[in-house]
Every structure is written in C-alpha cells, then in structure tokens.
Amino acid sequence: GDLIGPADGRKCLELLYEAGYPNEDGYPEMEILAVDSLIPREMAKTIAEMWELNLGLKTKVKAVPYEEFLALAADRRFYAARQGWTGDYPDPMTFFQLFHSAAEENFSGYQNPEYDYWLSIAQQNMDSISRYRIYHRLEERLISDLPVIPLYFSVKPYLVSSKLTGINYTPQGYPLFQKAMKLD
C-alpha cells in the first residue's frame, strides 16, 4: 500500500514557515532543471506554475540539452530537476538501485550505508517473499530519509472500445495490440 498520503498544500506552507519563510515575500526564487525537449520542458513549466499558484513560489525552468542536463545532474548543480525513470524490468530493484551511494544515476547524492547493505542483500536474494520484505524496508528508509521528493507520477490513460478484445499491456502500462481483435 501507499506509504505517503495525498499532496497537502497547507502542510507545505507550514513547512516553509518552519524553515524561516513566514510569507511568500521572503521565498527564494526556485529553478527546475529540465531536458530541453517538449515533454520534460512542459512538465517542468506546469510544476513551476503549480508551485507559484499554490505556494507562492516564484519558479523558473532551466531547459538544457540532454548531455548538459546529465552533466549538471551528475555534479548536483541544480535546485530541483525534472527527471524520470521507467522500470526497464518488472521488479522494484530497477528503482531501488538508483539510490545506492555509488549509483551513477544517484543525482541526489544520497548515501546511507544501511540502505546500501540491504540493497546488496536484496540483489543476492532469490526468494521473492524475503526480497519483497527487504524492498519494503528500503522503501521505508527512503521515505524517512527523503533523498528526493517525487513531484508527479506519470499515467497513461487509454480509451479502448468495448468492441476490441485481446489487448495486453507491458509492465510499464503500454498497450500491445498484436492479439487485438474487433468484435462484431
């Protein structure tokens, strides 16, 4: 089940206040780093608009070519970044490995020896029940340490006619039409 509840704008404002920002006049200007292509750039712009509308945070988007994005992210020269990851195989490890202290994609710089230890145990464990218990522990550690703050989760809505059958989906949610058939 979900370990984090829904977005809470009021709680965000309370946390900003506790961090020393009593009102939006004193908020620092934010910047979201994004790859300069249509979807990443527009998603970053949408997030920036939401932050300003709901929290009063003035936010600009810095859209750069992909190679520059990777260099800035690797050097951790960003305040916030629009970065995505799609599981390339159907196991949570594809996401957990991103937070290992030595992972190339660990753009947050997260380092936790306990996390690294349990991650290595999970990688060696072939028993799925034991491995998923470890995954739950890893997930709780990430939520507690909060090395990143997920800003959104992608969804892929598809409208499918009731006259179509045999559609299958990949683990990432993409439809496969190879066996699709139209009903009469």
Protein backbone atom coordinates (compact mmCIF):
# COMPACT_ATOMS: atom_id res chain seq x y z
CA GLY A 1 0.00 0.00 0.00
CA ASP A 2 0.89 3.64 -0.23
CA LEU A 3 3.21 4.89 2.49
CA ILE A 4 2.66 8.56 1.64
CA GLY A 5 -0.68 10.35 1.65
CA PRO A 6 -2.02 12.83 -0.90
CA ALA A 7 -0.48 16.24 -1.59
CA ASP A 8 -1.10 18.75 1.19
CA GLY A 9 -0.55 22.39 0.20
CA ARG A 10 -1.34 23.65 3.70
CA LYS A 11 1.35 21.37 5.18
CA CYS A 12 3.83 22.65 2.57
CA LEU A 13 3.15 26.22 3.65
CA GLU A 14 3.59 25.23 7.31
CA LEU A 15 6.95 23.64 6.49
CA LEU A 16 8.07 26.75 4.60
CA TYR A 17 7.10 28.82 7.64
CA GLU A 18 9.06 26.50 9.95
CA ALA A 19 12.05 26.78 7.60
CA GLY A 20 12.12 30.53 8.16
CA TYR A 21 9.88 31.77 5.36
CA PRO A 22 6.90 33.41 7.09
CA ASN A 23 5.33 34.63 3.84
CA GLU A 24 5.87 34.48 0.11
CA ASP A 25 7.73 37.81 0.08
CA GLY A 26 10.79 36.08 1.54
CA TYR A 27 10.72 32.90 -0.54
CA PRO A 28 13.84 32.24 -2.59
CA GLU A 29 13.39 32.05 -6.34
CA MET A 30 13.28 28.41 -7.39
CA GLU A 31 14.65 26.80 -10.53
CA ILE A 32 13.72 23.48 -12.10
CA LEU A 33 16.32 21.89 -14.36
CA ALA A 34 14.84 20.01 -17.32
CA VAL A 35 15.90 18.47 -20.61
CA ASP A 36 15.08 20.84 -23.45
CA SER A 37 12.53 18.73 -25.26
CA LEU A 38 8.77 19.09 -25.36
CA ILE A 39 7.51 16.80 -22.59
CA PRO A 40 10.19 17.40 -19.92
CA ARG A 41 10.17 21.16 -20.54
CA GLU A 42 6.37 21.46 -20.44
CA MET A 43 6.09 19.25 -17.34
CA ALA A 44 8.65 21.43 -15.57
CA LYS A 45 6.73 24.56 -16.61
CA THR A 46 3.50 23.05 -15.28
CA ILE A 47 5.13 22.21 -11.93
CA ALA A 48 6.56 25.74 -11.74
CA GLU A 49 3.08 27.20 -12.36
CA MET A 50 1.58 24.95 -9.66
CA TRP A 51 4.24 25.98 -7.14
CA GLU A 52 3.56 29.64 -7.81
CA LEU A 53 -0.23 29.27 -7.76
CA ASN A 54 -0.46 27.04 -4.68
CA LEU A 55 2.58 28.07 -2.63
CA GLY A 56 3.58 31.48 -3.93
CA LEU A 57 6.99 30.16 -5.02
CA LYS A 58 8.41 32.03 -8.00
CA THR A 59 9.98 29.33 -10.14
CA LYS A 60 11.78 29.42 -13.45
CA VAL A 61 12.61 26.50 -15.71
CA LYS A 62 16.15 25.96 -16.97
CA ALA A 63 15.82 23.79 -20.09
CA VAL A 64 19.13 22.46 -21.41
CA PRO A 65 20.26 19.83 -23.94
CA TYR A 66 20.28 16.26 -22.63
CA GLU A 67 24.09 15.96 -22.31
CA GLU A 68 24.24 19.22 -20.35
CA PHE A 69 21.38 18.05 -18.14
CA LEU A 70 23.30 14.87 -17.31
CA ALA A 71 26.46 16.83 -16.51
CA LEU A 72 24.62 19.31 -14.26
CA ALA A 73 22.72 16.48 -12.55
CA ALA A 74 25.87 14.40 -12.01
CA ASP A 75 27.61 17.44 -10.47
CA ARG A 76 24.45 18.15 -8.43
CA ARG A 77 24.27 21.69 -9.80
CA PHE A 78 20.50 22.10 -9.56
CA TYR A 79 17.86 23.03 -7.02
CA ALA A 80 15.15 20.79 -8.44
CA ALA A 81 15.25 18.64 -11.56
CA ARG A 82 12.59 17.11 -13.74
CA GLN A 83 13.99 13.61 -14.00
CA GLY A 84 12.10 10.45 -14.78
CA TRP A 85 12.77 6.77 -14.57
CA THR A 86 10.79 3.98 -16.13
CA GLY A 87 11.26 0.49 -14.80
CA ASP A 88 13.04 -1.40 -17.55
CA TYR A 89 12.28 -4.76 -15.98
CA PRO A 90 9.35 -5.86 -13.79
CA ASP A 91 11.00 -5.71 -10.36
CA PRO A 92 11.23 -2.81 -7.88
CA MET A 93 15.02 -3.22 -7.88
CA THR A 94 15.11 -1.08 -11.03
CA PHE A 95 14.07 1.86 -8.82
CA PHE A 96 15.84 0.98 -5.57
CA GLN A 97 19.24 0.67 -7.27
CA LEU A 98 19.09 4.37 -8.19
CA PHE A 99 19.70 5.30 -4.56
CA HIS A 100 22.79 3.19 -3.92
CA SER A 101 25.57 5.55 -2.83
CA ALA A 102 27.73 4.52 -5.82
CA ALA A 103 24.97 4.54 -8.47
CA GLU A 104 25.76 6.72 -11.46
CA GLU A 105 22.11 7.86 -11.59
CA ASN A 106 22.07 8.84 -7.89
CA PHE A 107 21.77 12.54 -8.72
CA SER A 108 20.62 13.37 -5.18
CA GLY A 109 23.94 12.23 -3.71
CA TYR A 110 22.08 10.04 -1.23
CA GLN A 111 24.40 7.99 0.96
CA ASN A 112 23.22 5.59 3.61
CA PRO A 113 25.37 2.55 4.49
CA GLU A 114 22.35 0.70 5.91
CA TYR A 115 20.43 1.24 2.66
CA ASP A 116 23.41 0.05 0.59
CA TYR A 117 23.74 -3.05 2.80
CA TRP A 118 20.08 -4.07 2.49
CA LEU A 119 20.12 -3.33 -1.22
CA SER A 120 23.04 -5.74 -1.70
CA ILE A 121 21.20 -8.38 0.36
CA ALA A 122 18.09 -7.95 -1.81
CA GLN A 123 20.16 -8.25 -5.00
CA GLN A 124 21.54 -11.60 -3.82
CA ASN A 125 18.24 -12.95 -2.51
CA MET A 126 16.36 -15.23 -4.90
CA ASP A 127 13.41 -15.82 -2.55
CA SER A 128 10.77 -13.35 -3.74
CA ILE A 129 8.97 -13.13 -0.37
CA SER A 130 12.18 -12.32 1.51
CA ARG A 131 13.28 -9.91 -1.21
CA TYR A 132 9.98 -8.02 -1.09
CA ARG A 133 10.26 -7.72 2.69
CA ILE A 134 13.65 -6.12 2.15
CA TYR A 135 12.14 -3.87 -0.53
CA HIS A 136 9.59 -2.69 1.99
CA ARG A 137 12.41 -1.87 4.41
CA LEU A 138 14.27 0.01 1.66
CA GLU A 139 11.12 1.95 0.77
CA GLU A 140 10.56 2.94 4.40
CA ARG A 141 14.19 4.11 4.64
CA LEU A 142 13.84 6.25 1.52
CA ILE A 143 10.62 7.78 2.82
CA SER A 144 12.27 8.50 6.16
CA ASP A 145 15.47 9.97 4.68
CA LEU A 146 13.69 11.63 1.73
CA PRO A 147 16.65 11.99 -0.66
CA VAL A 148 14.23 13.05 -3.40
CA ILE A 149 10.71 14.41 -3.45
CA PRO A 150 8.64 12.88 -6.24
CA LEU A 151 6.73 15.72 -7.90
CA TYR A 152 4.41 13.60 -10.02
CA PHE A 153 3.77 10.08 -11.20
CA SER A 154 3.08 9.52 -14.88
CA VAL A 155 -0.14 7.95 -16.00
CA LYS A 156 -1.04 6.73 -19.45
CA PRO A 157 -4.81 6.84 -19.94
CA TYR A 158 -6.11 4.98 -22.98
CA LEU A 159 -9.63 4.79 -24.32
CA VAL A 160 -10.40 1.34 -25.65
CA SER A 161 -13.57 0.46 -27.49
CA SER A 162 -15.72 -2.25 -25.93
CA LYS A 163 -15.70 -3.78 -29.43
CA LEU A 164 -11.98 -4.52 -29.13
CA THR A 165 -10.63 -7.56 -27.29
CA GLY A 166 -7.23 -9.19 -26.77
CA ILE A 167 -5.29 -6.08 -25.78
CA ASN A 168 -2.37 -6.81 -23.46
CA TYR A 169 -0.17 -4.35 -21.58
CA THR A 170 3.54 -4.20 -20.86
CA PRO A 171 4.67 -3.89 -17.21
CA GLN A 172 5.10 -0.17 -17.92
CA GLY A 173 1.46 0.14 -18.99
CA TYR A 174 1.91 0.41 -22.75
CA PRO A 175 -0.81 -1.34 -24.78
CA LEU A 176 0.11 -4.22 -27.07
CA PHE A 177 -2.24 -4.72 -30.00
CA GLN A 178 -0.66 -7.82 -31.61
CA LYS A 179 -3.54 -10.06 -30.46
CA ALA A 180 -6.28 -7.43 -30.58
CA MET A 181 -9.45 -8.33 -32.41
CA LYS A 182 -12.54 -6.36 -33.27
CA LEU A 183 -15.78 -7.94 -32.08
CA ASP A 184 -18.73 -7.95 -34.46
